[in-house]
Amino acid sequence: MTVVHPREVFRQAISDGAHSIILLHNHPTGDPSPSQEDRNLTRRLVEVSKIVGID
């Protein structure tokens, strides 16, 4: 499992002056159900996106 820091997710978008980004990831196991870690990271990314003004 690889955990990404929100800073890394938004760095290029902020640098480029983006108004929005699209995020996705895969589940190599084939099970598309979100894990608790997926949910936690999604919540954190939403919080950060509001702070930096990127949808």
N, C-alpha and C. Protein backbone atom coordinates (compact mmCIF):
# COMPACT_ATOMS: atom_id res chain seq x y z
N MET A 1 0.84 -1.18 0.00
CA MET A 1 0.00 0.00 0.00
C MET A 1 0.89 1.24 0.00
N THR A 2 0.50 2.21 -0.78
CA THR A 2 1.21 3.48 -0.83
C THR A 2 0.27 4.58 -0.35
N VAL A 3 0.74 5.36 0.60
CA VAL A 3 -0.06 6.48 1.10
C VAL A 3 0.53 7.76 0.54
N VAL A 4 -0.32 8.60 0.03
CA VAL A 4 0.12 9.86 -0.57
C VAL A 4 -0.21 11.01 0.37
N HIS A 5 0.67 11.98 0.42
CA HIS A 5 0.44 13.16 1.25
C HIS A 5 -0.33 14.19 0.41
N PRO A 6 -1.35 14.82 1.00
CA PRO A 6 -2.12 15.82 0.24
C PRO A 6 -1.25 16.90 -0.41
N ARG A 7 -0.15 17.25 0.21
CA ARG A 7 0.75 18.25 -0.36
C ARG A 7 1.22 17.83 -1.75
N GLU A 8 1.53 16.54 -1.89
CA GLU A 8 1.99 16.03 -3.18
C GLU A 8 0.86 15.99 -4.20
N VAL A 9 -0.34 15.73 -3.74
CA VAL A 9 -1.49 15.67 -4.65
C VAL A 9 -1.76 17.04 -5.26
N PHE A 10 -1.68 18.09 -4.46
CA PHE A 10 -2.07 19.42 -4.91
C PHE A 10 -0.91 20.30 -5.39
N ARG A 11 0.32 19.87 -5.20
CA ARG A 11 1.48 20.71 -5.54
C ARG A 11 1.43 21.22 -6.99
N GLN A 12 1.31 20.33 -7.94
CA GLN A 12 1.33 20.74 -9.35
C GLN A 12 0.09 21.55 -9.71
N ALA A 13 -1.06 21.16 -9.16
CA ALA A 13 -2.30 21.89 -9.45
C ALA A 13 -2.19 23.34 -8.97
N ILE A 14 -1.63 23.54 -7.79
CA ILE A 14 -1.44 24.89 -7.26
C ILE A 14 -0.45 25.65 -8.13
N SER A 15 0.64 25.00 -8.46
CA SER A 15 1.68 25.62 -9.29
C SER A 15 1.14 26.06 -10.65
N ASP A 16 0.25 25.25 -11.22
CA ASP A 16 -0.32 25.54 -12.54
C ASP A 16 -1.55 26.46 -12.48
N GLY A 17 -1.99 26.81 -11.27
CA GLY A 17 -3.16 27.66 -11.14
C GLY A 17 -4.46 26.95 -11.48
N ALA A 18 -4.50 25.65 -11.27
CA ALA A 18 -5.70 24.86 -11.60
C ALA A 18 -6.87 25.23 -10.70
N HIS A 19 -8.06 25.14 -11.27
CA HIS A 19 -9.29 25.39 -10.51
C HIS A 19 -9.89 24.08 -10.01
N SER A 20 -9.52 22.99 -10.65
CA SER A 20 -10.05 21.69 -10.24
C SER A 20 -9.08 20.60 -10.68
N ILE A 21 -9.22 19.43 -10.06
CA ILE A 21 -8.44 18.26 -10.44
C ILE A 21 -9.35 17.04 -10.37
N ILE A 22 -8.94 15.99 -11.02
CA ILE A 22 -9.63 14.70 -10.96
C ILE A 22 -8.66 13.70 -10.36
N LEU A 23 -9.11 13.01 -9.34
CA LEU A 23 -8.28 12.00 -8.67
C LEU A 23 -8.90 10.63 -8.82
N LEU A 24 -8.06 9.63 -8.96
CA LEU A 24 -8.52 8.25 -8.99
C LEU A 24 -7.37 7.35 -8.57
N HIS A 25 -7.71 6.14 -8.22
CA HIS A 25 -6.68 5.13 -7.96
C HIS A 25 -7.28 3.76 -8.24
N ASN A 26 -6.42 2.79 -8.34
CA ASN A 26 -6.91 1.45 -8.64
C ASN A 26 -6.79 0.55 -7.41
N HIS A 27 -7.46 -0.57 -7.49
CA HIS A 27 -7.40 -1.61 -6.47
C HIS A 27 -6.88 -2.86 -7.18
N PRO A 28 -5.59 -3.16 -7.05
CA PRO A 28 -5.01 -4.30 -7.76
C PRO A 28 -5.69 -5.64 -7.44
N THR A 29 -6.36 -5.71 -6.29
CA THR A 29 -7.04 -6.96 -5.93
C THR A 29 -8.28 -7.20 -6.76
N GLY A 30 -8.78 -6.13 -7.42
CA GLY A 30 -10.00 -6.27 -8.20
C GLY A 30 -11.26 -5.94 -7.41
N ASP A 31 -11.15 -5.82 -6.09
CA ASP A 31 -12.29 -5.46 -5.25
C ASP A 31 -12.40 -3.94 -5.21
N PRO A 32 -13.44 -3.37 -5.82
CA PRO A 32 -13.55 -1.92 -5.89
C PRO A 32 -14.05 -1.25 -4.61
N SER A 33 -14.35 -2.02 -3.59
CA SER A 33 -14.86 -1.46 -2.34
C SER A 33 -13.80 -0.58 -1.68
N PRO A 34 -14.17 0.64 -1.28
CA PRO A 34 -13.19 1.51 -0.62
C PRO A 34 -12.84 1.00 0.78
N SER A 35 -11.57 1.03 1.09
CA SER A 35 -11.13 0.65 2.43
C SER A 35 -11.33 1.83 3.37
N GLN A 36 -11.16 1.60 4.65
CA GLN A 36 -11.25 2.70 5.61
C GLN A 36 -10.15 3.73 5.33
N GLU A 37 -8.99 3.26 4.93
CA GLU A 37 -7.90 4.18 4.56
C GLU A 37 -8.28 5.02 3.35
N ASP A 38 -8.96 4.41 2.37
CA ASP A 38 -9.45 5.16 1.21
C ASP A 38 -10.40 6.27 1.66
N ARG A 39 -11.31 5.93 2.53
CA ARG A 39 -12.29 6.91 3.03
C ARG A 39 -11.60 8.04 3.79
N ASN A 40 -10.65 7.67 4.65
CA ASN A 40 -9.94 8.68 5.44
C ASN A 40 -9.16 9.63 4.53
N LEU A 41 -8.45 9.08 3.55
CA LEU A 41 -7.67 9.92 2.64
C LEU A 41 -8.59 10.81 1.81
N THR A 42 -9.70 10.28 1.37
CA THR A 42 -10.65 11.07 0.59
C THR A 42 -11.15 12.26 1.41
N ARG A 43 -11.51 12.02 2.66
CA ARG A 43 -11.97 13.12 3.53
C ARG A 43 -10.87 14.18 3.68
N ARG A 44 -9.66 13.72 3.89
CA ARG A 44 -8.53 14.66 4.06
C ARG A 44 -8.30 15.47 2.78
N LEU A 45 -8.36 14.80 1.64
CA LEU A 45 -8.16 15.51 0.37
C LEU A 45 -9.26 16.54 0.12
N VAL A 46 -10.48 16.21 0.49
CA VAL A 46 -11.59 17.16 0.35
C VAL A 46 -11.34 18.38 1.24
N GLU A 47 -10.90 18.14 2.48
CA GLU A 47 -10.60 19.25 3.39
C GLU A 47 -9.52 20.15 2.81
N VAL A 48 -8.44 19.55 2.33
CA VAL A 48 -7.34 20.33 1.77
C VAL A 48 -7.79 21.08 0.52
N SER A 49 -8.59 20.44 -0.32
CA SER A 49 -9.04 21.11 -1.54
C SER A 49 -9.84 22.37 -1.22
N LYS A 50 -10.61 22.33 -0.16
CA LYS A 50 -11.37 23.52 0.25
C LYS A 50 -10.43 24.62 0.72
N ILE A 51 -9.39 24.24 1.44
CA ILE A 51 -8.44 25.22 1.96
C ILE A 51 -7.69 25.91 0.82
N VAL A 52 -7.27 25.14 -0.18
CA VAL A 52 -6.48 25.72 -1.27
C VAL A 52 -7.34 26.22 -2.43
N GLY A 53 -8.65 26.02 -2.35
CA GLY A 53 -9.56 26.55 -3.37
C GLY A 53 -9.55 25.79 -4.69
N ILE A 54 -9.33 24.49 -4.60
CA ILE A 54 -9.36 23.64 -5.80
C ILE A 54 -10.48 22.63 -5.63
N ASP A 55 -11.38 22.55 -6.63
CA ASP A 55 -12.49 21.59 -6.57
C ASP A 55 -12.06 20.25 -7.11
